[in-house]
Amino acid sequence: MATITISSKFQIVIPKEIREKLHLRPRQRLQVLEKGEIIILVPEVPLKSLKGVLKGMNKADLREKKEQLHMIRRLN
């Protein structure tokens, strides 16, 4: 586990091995999430990079059963 230090300007440096593993690059934006006393940094990804992620996904089980029954009743 890597340890970092907060500078006097409240800046941090992400360790090189983590930057390389996550393919982070300069000026990339990170979302900062806080849960209790835990800070989580999540890299933002461009929407274009998500194109095709759900290709071939089975849509049959997306709705809850209650909602499916409602839709079936409406169609009949």
PDB file of N, CA and C in Angstrom:
ATOM      1  N   MET A   1       0.845  -1.167   0.000  1.00  0.00           N
ATOM      2  CA  MET A   1       0.000   0.000   0.000  1.00  0.00           C
ATOM      3  C   MET A   1       0.891   1.231   0.000  1.00  0.00           C
ATOM      4  N   ALA A   2       0.575   2.157  -0.896  1.00  0.00           N
ATOM      5  CA  ALA A   2       1.354   3.390  -1.009  1.00  0.00           C
ATOM      6  C   ALA A   2       0.856   4.419   0.003  1.00  0.00           C
ATOM      7  N   THR A   3       1.761   5.263   0.439  1.00  0.00           N
ATOM      8  CA  THR A   3       1.419   6.357   1.347  1.00  0.00           C
ATOM      9  C   THR A   3       1.741   7.672   0.654  1.00  0.00           C
ATOM     10  N   ILE A   4       0.846   8.648   0.788  1.00  0.00           N
ATOM     11  CA  ILE A   4       1.073   9.959   0.202  1.00  0.00           C
ATOM     12  C   ILE A   4       0.971  11.019   1.286  1.00  0.00           C
ATOM     13  N   THR A   5       1.465  12.220   0.982  1.00  0.00           N
ATOM     14  CA  THR A   5       1.432  13.342   1.917  1.00  0.00           C
ATOM     15  C   THR A   5       0.690  14.498   1.258  1.00  0.00           C
ATOM     16  N   ILE A   6      -0.143  15.162   2.034  1.00  0.00           N
ATOM     17  CA  ILE A   6      -0.850  16.344   1.534  1.00  0.00           C
ATOM     18  C   ILE A   6       0.078  17.541   1.695  1.00  0.00           C
ATOM     19  N   SER A   7       0.255  18.317   0.599  1.00  0.00           N
ATOM     20  CA  SER A   7       1.142  19.480   0.645  1.00  0.00           C
ATOM     21  C   SER A   7       0.461  20.626   1.391  1.00  0.00           C
ATOM     22  N   SER A   8       1.207  21.714   1.600  1.00  0.00           N
ATOM     23  CA  SER A   8       0.650  22.890   2.273  1.00  0.00           C
ATOM     24  C   SER A   8      -0.457  23.539   1.439  1.00  0.00           C
ATOM     25  N   LYS A   9      -0.497  23.212   0.133  1.00  0.00           N
ATOM     26  CA  LYS A   9      -1.554  23.719  -0.749  1.00  0.00           C
ATOM     27  C   LYS A   9      -2.658  22.670  -0.940  1.00  0.00           C
ATOM     28  N   PHE A  10      -2.653  21.648  -0.090  1.00  0.00           N
ATOM     29  CA  PHE A  10      -3.620  20.544  -0.119  1.00  0.00           C
ATOM     30  C   PHE A  10      -3.572  19.754  -1.418  1.00  0.00           C
ATOM     31  N   GLN A  11      -2.390  19.619  -1.996  1.00  0.00           N
ATOM     32  CA  GLN A  11      -2.206  18.830  -3.202  1.00  0.00           C
ATOM     33  C   GLN A  11      -1.613  17.480  -2.825  1.00  0.00           C
ATOM     34  N   ILE A  12      -1.892  16.476  -3.658  1.00  0.00           N
ATOM     35  CA  ILE A  12      -1.309  15.147  -3.456  1.00  0.00           C
ATOM     36  C   ILE A  12      -0.691  14.677  -4.768  1.00  0.00           C
ATOM     37  N   VAL A  13       0.229  13.731  -4.685  1.00  0.00           N
ATOM     38  CA  VAL A  13       0.826  13.116  -5.866  1.00  0.00           C
ATOM     39  C   VAL A  13       0.411  11.654  -5.862  1.00  0.00           C
ATOM     40  N   ILE A  14      -0.174  11.214  -6.979  1.00  0.00           N
ATOM     41  CA  ILE A  14      -0.560   9.809  -7.102  1.00  0.00           C
ATOM     42  C   ILE A  14       0.697   9.016  -7.441  1.00  0.00           C
ATOM     43  N   PRO A  15       1.019   7.990  -6.669  1.00  0.00           N
ATOM     44  CA  PRO A  15       2.248   7.220  -6.900  1.00  0.00           C
ATOM     45  C   PRO A  15       2.329   6.672  -8.333  1.00  0.00           C
ATOM     46  N   LYS A  16       3.552   6.632  -8.851  1.00  0.00           N
ATOM     47  CA  LYS A  16       3.814   6.234 -10.236  1.00  0.00           C
ATOM     48  C   LYS A  16       3.216   4.872 -10.571  1.00  0.00           C
ATOM     49  N   GLU A  17       3.367   3.885  -9.681  1.00  0.00           N
ATOM     50  CA  GLU A  17       2.862   2.547 -10.001  1.00  0.00           C
ATOM     51  C   GLU A  17       1.337   2.540 -10.163  1.00  0.00           C
ATOM     52  N   ILE A  18       0.638   3.387  -9.436  1.00  0.00           N
ATOM     53  CA  ILE A  18      -0.820   3.483  -9.567  1.00  0.00           C
ATOM     54  C   ILE A  18      -1.184   4.224 -10.855  1.00  0.00           C
ATOM     55  N   ARG A  19      -0.470   5.316 -11.144  1.00  0.00           N
ATOM     56  CA  ARG A  19      -0.716   6.063 -12.397  1.00  0.00           C
ATOM     57  C   ARG A  19      -0.550   5.160 -13.603  1.00  0.00           C
ATOM     58  N   GLU A  20       0.513   4.356 -13.589  1.00  0.00           N
ATOM     59  CA  GLU A  20       0.778   3.466 -14.721  1.00  0.00           C
ATOM     60  C   GLU A  20      -0.261   2.348 -14.811  1.00  0.00           C
ATOM     61  N   LYS A  21      -0.598   1.757 -13.678  1.00  0.00           N
ATOM     62  CA  LYS A  21      -1.563   0.660 -13.658  1.00  0.00           C
ATOM     63  C   LYS A  21      -2.931   1.113 -14.170  1.00  0.00           C
ATOM     64  N   LEU A  22      -3.344   2.337 -13.816  1.00  0.00           N
ATOM     65  CA  LEU A  22      -4.655   2.851 -14.210  1.00  0.00           C
ATOM     66  C   LEU A  22      -4.607   3.683 -15.492  1.00  0.00           C
ATOM     67  N   HIS A  23      -3.405   3.791 -16.091  1.00  0.00           N
ATOM     68  CA  HIS A  23      -3.215   4.562 -17.332  1.00  0.00           C
ATOM     69  C   HIS A  23      -3.694   6.005 -17.175  1.00  0.00           C
ATOM     70  N   LEU A  24      -3.385   6.615 -16.041  1.00  0.00           N
ATOM     71  CA  LEU A  24      -3.743   8.012 -15.810  1.00  0.00           C
ATOM     72  C   LEU A  24      -2.792   8.899 -16.597  1.00  0.00           C
ATOM     73  N   ARG A  25      -3.295  10.063 -17.009  1.00  0.00           N
ATOM     74  CA  ARG A  25      -2.460  10.981 -17.782  1.00  0.00           C
ATOM     75  C   ARG A  25      -2.624  12.395 -17.233  1.00  0.00           C
ATOM     76  N   PRO A  26      -1.687  13.287 -17.538  1.00  0.00           N
ATOM     77  CA  PRO A  26      -1.778  14.663 -17.056  1.00  0.00           C
ATOM     78  C   PRO A  26      -3.089  15.329 -17.495  1.00  0.00           C
ATOM     79  N   ARG A  27      -3.625  16.132 -16.634  1.00  0.00           N
ATOM     80  CA  ARG A  27      -4.866  16.892 -16.846  1.00  0.00           C
ATOM     81  C   ARG A  27      -6.123  16.031 -16.880  1.00  0.00           C
ATOM     82  N   GLN A  28      -5.999  14.718 -16.644  1.00  0.00           N
ATOM     83  CA  GLN A  28      -7.184  13.864 -16.564  1.00  0.00           C
ATOM     84  C   GLN A  28      -7.948  14.226 -15.295  1.00  0.00           C
ATOM     85  N   ARG A  29      -9.262  14.208 -15.392  1.00  0.00           N
ATOM     86  CA  ARG A  29     -10.088  14.584 -14.256  1.00  0.00           C
ATOM     87  C   ARG A  29     -10.440  13.351 -13.433  1.00  0.00           C
ATOM     88  N   LEU A  30     -10.520  13.544 -12.118  1.00  0.00           N
ATOM     89  CA  LEU A  30     -10.914  12.489 -11.195  1.00  0.00           C
ATOM     90  C   LEU A  30     -12.119  12.973 -10.389  1.00  0.00           C
ATOM     91  N   GLN A  31     -13.081  12.090 -10.175  1.00  0.00           N
ATOM     92  CA  GLN A  31     -14.194  12.388  -9.283  1.00  0.00           C
ATOM     93  C   GLN A  31     -13.733  12.064  -7.864  1.00  0.00           C
ATOM     94  N   VAL A  32     -14.070  12.926  -6.916  1.00  0.00           N
ATOM     95  CA  VAL A  32     -13.697  12.707  -5.516  1.00  0.00           C
ATOM     96  C   VAL A  32     -14.951  12.331  -4.747  1.00  0.00           C
ATOM     97  N   LEU A  33     -14.935  11.143  -4.160  1.00  0.00           N
ATOM     98  CA  LEU A  33     -16.056  10.670  -3.357  1.00  0.00           C
ATOM     99  C   LEU A  33     -15.598  10.545  -1.911  1.00  0.00           C
ATOM    100  N   GLU A  34     -16.488  10.861  -0.998  1.00  0.00           N
ATOM    101  CA  GLU A  34     -16.165  10.784   0.430  1.00  0.00           C
ATOM    102  C   GLU A  34     -17.242   9.959   1.115  1.00  0.00           C
ATOM    103  N   LYS A  35     -16.819   8.983   1.883  1.00  0.00           N
ATOM    104  CA  LYS A  35     -17.740   8.133   2.636  1.00  0.00           C
ATOM    105  C   LYS A  35     -17.179   7.985   4.032  1.00  0.00           C
ATOM    106  N   GLY A  36     -17.782   8.683   4.987  1.00  0.00           N
ATOM    107  CA  GLY A  36     -17.258   8.660   6.342  1.00  0.00           C
ATOM    108  C   GLY A  36     -15.895   9.310   6.359  1.00  0.00           C
ATOM    109  N   GLU A  37     -14.880   8.571   6.698  1.00  0.00           N
ATOM    110  CA  GLU A  37     -13.515   9.094   6.717  1.00  0.00           C
ATOM    111  C   GLU A  37     -12.676   8.532   5.580  1.00  0.00           C
ATOM    112  N   ILE A  38     -13.338   8.044   4.536  1.00  0.00           N
ATOM    113  CA  ILE A  38     -12.642   7.453   3.395  1.00  0.00           C
ATOM    114  C   ILE A  38     -12.797   8.368   2.183  1.00  0.00           C
ATOM    115  N   ILE A  39     -11.699   8.604   1.460  1.00  0.00           N
ATOM    116  CA  ILE A  39     -11.699   9.397   0.235  1.00  0.00           C
ATOM    117  C   ILE A  39     -11.425   8.447  -0.926  1.00  0.00           C
ATOM    118  N   ILE A  40     -12.264   8.517  -1.953  1.00  0.00           N
ATOM    119  CA  ILE A  40     -12.107   7.660  -3.126  1.00  0.00           C
ATOM    120  C   ILE A  40     -11.942   8.553  -4.349  1.00  0.00           C
ATOM    121  N   LEU A  41     -10.912   8.291  -5.154  1.00  0.00           N
ATOM    122  CA  LEU A  41     -10.689   9.016  -6.402  1.00  0.00           C
ATOM    123  C   LEU A  41     -11.054   8.094  -7.558  1.00  0.00           C
ATOM    124  N   VAL A  42     -11.974   8.550  -8.410  1.00  0.00           N
ATOM    125  CA  VAL A  42     -12.435   7.733  -9.536  1.00  0.00           C
ATOM    126  C   VAL A  42     -12.154   8.478 -10.834  1.00  0.00           C
ATOM    127  N   PRO A  43     -11.335   7.900 -11.726  1.00  0.00           N
ATOM    128  CA  PRO A  43     -11.041   8.570 -13.000  1.00  0.00           C
ATOM    129  C   PRO A  43     -12.304   8.739 -13.834  1.00  0.00           C
ATOM    130  N   GLU A  44     -12.477   9.938 -14.404  1.00  0.00           N
ATOM    131  CA  GLU A  44     -13.572  10.159 -15.345  1.00  0.00           C
ATOM    132  C   GLU A  44     -13.159   9.550 -16.673  1.00  0.00           C
ATOM    133  N   VAL A  45     -14.115   8.955 -17.368  1.00  0.00           N
ATOM    134  CA  VAL A  45     -13.841   8.419 -18.700  1.00  0.00           C
ATOM    135  C   VAL A  45     -14.759   9.119 -19.692  1.00  0.00           C
ATOM    136  N   PRO A  46     -14.255   9.442 -20.873  1.00  0.00           N
ATOM    137  CA  PRO A  46     -15.102  10.099 -21.870  1.00  0.00           C
ATOM    138  C   PRO A  46     -16.235   9.169 -22.309  1.00  0.00           C
ATOM    139  N   LEU A  47     -17.410   9.726 -22.576  1.00  0.00           N
ATOM    140  CA  LEU A  47     -18.547   8.917 -23.012  1.00  0.00           C
ATOM    141  C   LEU A  47     -18.228   8.135 -24.276  1.00  0.00           C
ATOM    142  N   LYS A  48     -17.416   8.712 -25.158  1.00  0.00           N
ATOM    143  CA  LYS A  48     -17.060   8.021 -26.400  1.00  0.00           C
ATOM    144  C   LYS A  48     -16.379   6.683 -26.128  1.00  0.00           C
ATOM    145  N   SER A  49     -15.624   6.596 -25.029  1.00  0.00           N
ATOM    146  CA  SER A  49     -14.914   5.355 -24.716  1.00  0.00           C
ATOM    147  C   SER A  49     -15.869   4.246 -24.269  1.00  0.00           C
ATOM    148  N   LEU A  50     -17.110   4.597 -23.926  1.00  0.00           N
ATOM    149  CA  LEU A  50     -18.087   3.597 -23.484  1.00  0.00           C
ATOM    150  C   LEU A  50     -18.936   3.057 -24.638  1.00  0.00           C
ATOM    151  N   LYS A  51     -18.726   3.605 -25.838  1.00  0.00           N
ATOM    152  CA  LYS A  51     -19.501   3.161 -26.999  1.00  0.00           C
ATOM    153  C   LYS A  51     -19.295   1.665 -27.234  1.00  0.00           C
ATOM    154  N   GLY A  52     -20.395   0.938 -27.337  1.00  0.00           N
ATOM    155  CA  GLY A  52     -20.338  -0.495 -27.603  1.00  0.00           C
ATOM    156  C   GLY A  52     -20.169  -1.364 -26.377  1.00  0.00           C
ATOM    157  N   VAL A  53     -20.087  -0.783 -25.195  1.00  0.00           N
ATOM    158  CA  VAL A  53     -19.876  -1.562 -23.969  1.00  0.00           C
ATOM    159  C   VAL A  53     -21.017  -2.554 -23.738  1.00  0.00           C
ATOM    160  N   LEU A  54     -22.233  -2.179 -24.064  1.00  0.00           N
ATOM    161  CA  LEU A  54     -23.392  -3.034 -23.800  1.00  0.00           C
ATOM    162  C   LEU A  54     -23.827  -3.833 -25.027  1.00  0.00           C
ATOM    163  N   LYS A  55     -23.008  -3.852 -26.064  1.00  0.00           N
ATOM    164  CA  LYS A  55     -23.340  -4.563 -27.300  1.00  0.00           C
ATOM    165  C   LYS A  55     -23.579  -6.046 -27.002  1.00  0.00           C
ATOM    166  N   GLY A  56     -24.688  -6.555 -27.497  1.00  0.00           N
ATOM    167  CA  GLY A  56     -25.003  -7.967 -27.310  1.00  0.00           C
ATOM    168  C   GLY A  56     -25.620  -8.290 -25.961  1.00  0.00           C
ATOM    169  N   MET A  57     -25.917  -7.283 -25.165  1.00  0.00           N
ATOM    170  CA  MET A  57     -26.479  -7.510 -23.836  1.00  0.00           C
ATOM    171  C   MET A  57     -27.904  -8.056 -23.959  1.00  0.00           C
ATOM    172  N   ASN A  58     -28.252  -9.027 -23.133  1.00  0.00           N
ATOM    173  CA  ASN A  58     -29.586  -9.588 -23.101  1.00  0.00           C
ATOM    174  C   ASN A  58     -30.491  -8.632 -22.337  1.00  0.00           C
ATOM    175  N   LYS A  59     -31.485  -8.078 -23.013  1.00  0.00           N
ATOM    176  CA  LYS A  59     -32.374  -7.098 -22.397  1.00  0.00           C
ATOM    177  C   LYS A  59     -33.602  -7.737 -21.753  1.00  0.00           C
ATOM    178  N   ALA A  60     -33.727  -9.036 -21.837  1.00  0.00           N
ATOM    179  CA  ALA A  60     -34.930  -9.725 -21.379  1.00  0.00           C
ATOM    180  C   ALA A  60     -35.166  -9.564 -19.873  1.00  0.00           C
ATOM    181  N   ASP A  61     -34.146  -9.529 -19.079  1.00  0.00           N
ATOM    182  CA  ASP A  61     -34.314  -9.505 -17.623  1.00  0.00           C
ATOM    183  C   ASP A  61     -34.055  -8.141 -16.997  1.00  0.00           C
ATOM    184  N   LEU A  62     -34.174  -7.063 -17.768  1.00  0.00           N
ATOM    185  CA  LEU A  62     -33.865  -5.753 -17.223  1.00  0.00           C
ATOM    186  C   LEU A  62     -34.950  -5.210 -16.305  1.00  0.00           C
ATOM    187  N   ARG A  63     -36.184  -5.498 -16.580  1.00  0.00           N
ATOM    188  CA  ARG A  63     -37.276  -4.975 -15.758  1.00  0.00           C
ATOM    189  C   ARG A  63     -37.541  -5.884 -14.566  1.00  0.00           C
ATOM    190  N   GLU A  64     -38.007  -5.282 -13.487  1.00  0.00           N
ATOM    191  CA  GLU A  64     -38.396  -6.077 -12.333  1.00  0.00           C
ATOM    192  C   GLU A  64     -39.646  -6.863 -12.683  1.00  0.00           C
ATOM    193  N   LYS A  65     -39.843  -8.000 -12.033  1.00  0.00           N
ATOM    194  CA  LYS A  65     -40.984  -8.855 -12.355  1.00  0.00           C
ATOM    195  C   LYS A  65     -42.307  -8.116 -12.180  1.00  0.00           C
ATOM    196  N   LYS A  66     -42.397  -7.302 -11.152  1.00  0.00           N
ATOM    197  CA  LYS A  66     -43.619  -6.543 -10.897  1.00  0.00           C
ATOM    198  C   LYS A  66     -43.934  -5.631 -12.095  1.00  0.00           C
ATOM    199  N   GLU A  67     -42.913  -4.996 -12.613  1.00  0.00           N
ATOM    200  CA  GLU A  67     -43.072  -4.110 -13.757  1.00  0.00           C
ATOM    201  C   GLU A  67     -43.411  -4.904 -15.010  1.00  0.00           C
ATOM    202  N   GLN A  68     -42.824  -6.091 -15.160  1.00  0.00           N
ATOM    203  CA  GLN A  68     -43.117  -6.930 -16.311  1.00  0.00           C
ATOM    204  C   GLN A  68     -44.584  -7.326 -16.319  1.00  0.00           C
ATOM    205  N   LEU A  69     -45.121  -7.722 -15.161  1.00  0.00           N
ATOM    206  CA  LEU A  69     -46.523  -8.110 -15.064  1.00  0.00           C
ATOM    207  C   LEU A  69     -47.437  -6.954 -15.430  1.00  0.00           C
ATOM    208  N   HIS A  70     -47.073  -5.749 -14.974  1.00  0.00           N
ATOM    209  CA  HIS A  70     -47.848  -4.566 -15.288  1.00  0.00           C
ATOM    210  C   HIS A  70     -47.885  -4.339 -16.795  1.00  0.00           C
ATOM    211  N   MET A  71     -46.735  -4.488 -17.450  1.00  0.00           N
ATOM    212  CA  MET A  71     -46.656  -4.286 -18.899  1.00  0.00           C
ATOM    213  C   MET A  71     -47.478  -5.340 -19.642  1.00  0.00           C
ATOM    214  N   ILE A  72     -47.435  -6.599 -19.193  1.00  0.00           N
ATOM    215  CA  ILE A  72     -48.197  -7.676 -19.835  1.00  0.00           C
ATOM    216  C   ILE A  72     -49.687  -7.398 -19.716  1.00  0.00           C
ATOM    217  N   ARG A  73     -50.140  -6.994 -18.544  1.00  0.00           N
ATOM    218  CA  ARG A  73     -51.555  -6.681 -18.340  1.00  0.00           C
ATOM    219  C   ARG A  73     -52.012  -5.545 -19.236  1.00  0.00           C
ATOM    220  N   ARG A  74     -51.138  -4.536 -19.399  1.00  0.00           N
ATOM    221  CA  ARG A  74     -51.476  -3.402 -20.239  1.00  0.00           C
ATOM    222  C   ARG A  74     -51.615  -3.816 -21.705  1.00  0.00           C
ATOM    223  N   LEU A  75     -50.816  -4.758 -22.143  1.00  0.00           N
ATOM    224  CA  LEU A  75     -50.843  -5.199 -23.532  1.00  0.00           C
ATOM    225  C   LEU A  75     -52.078  -6.069 -23.811  1.00  0.00           C
ATOM    226  N   ASN A  76     -52.566  -6.747 -22.804  1.00  0.00           N
ATOM    227  CA  ASN A  76     -53.738  -7.645 -23.004  1.00  0.00           C
ATOM    228  C   ASN A  76     -54.968  -6.854 -22.914  1.00  0.00           C
TER     229      ASN A  76
END
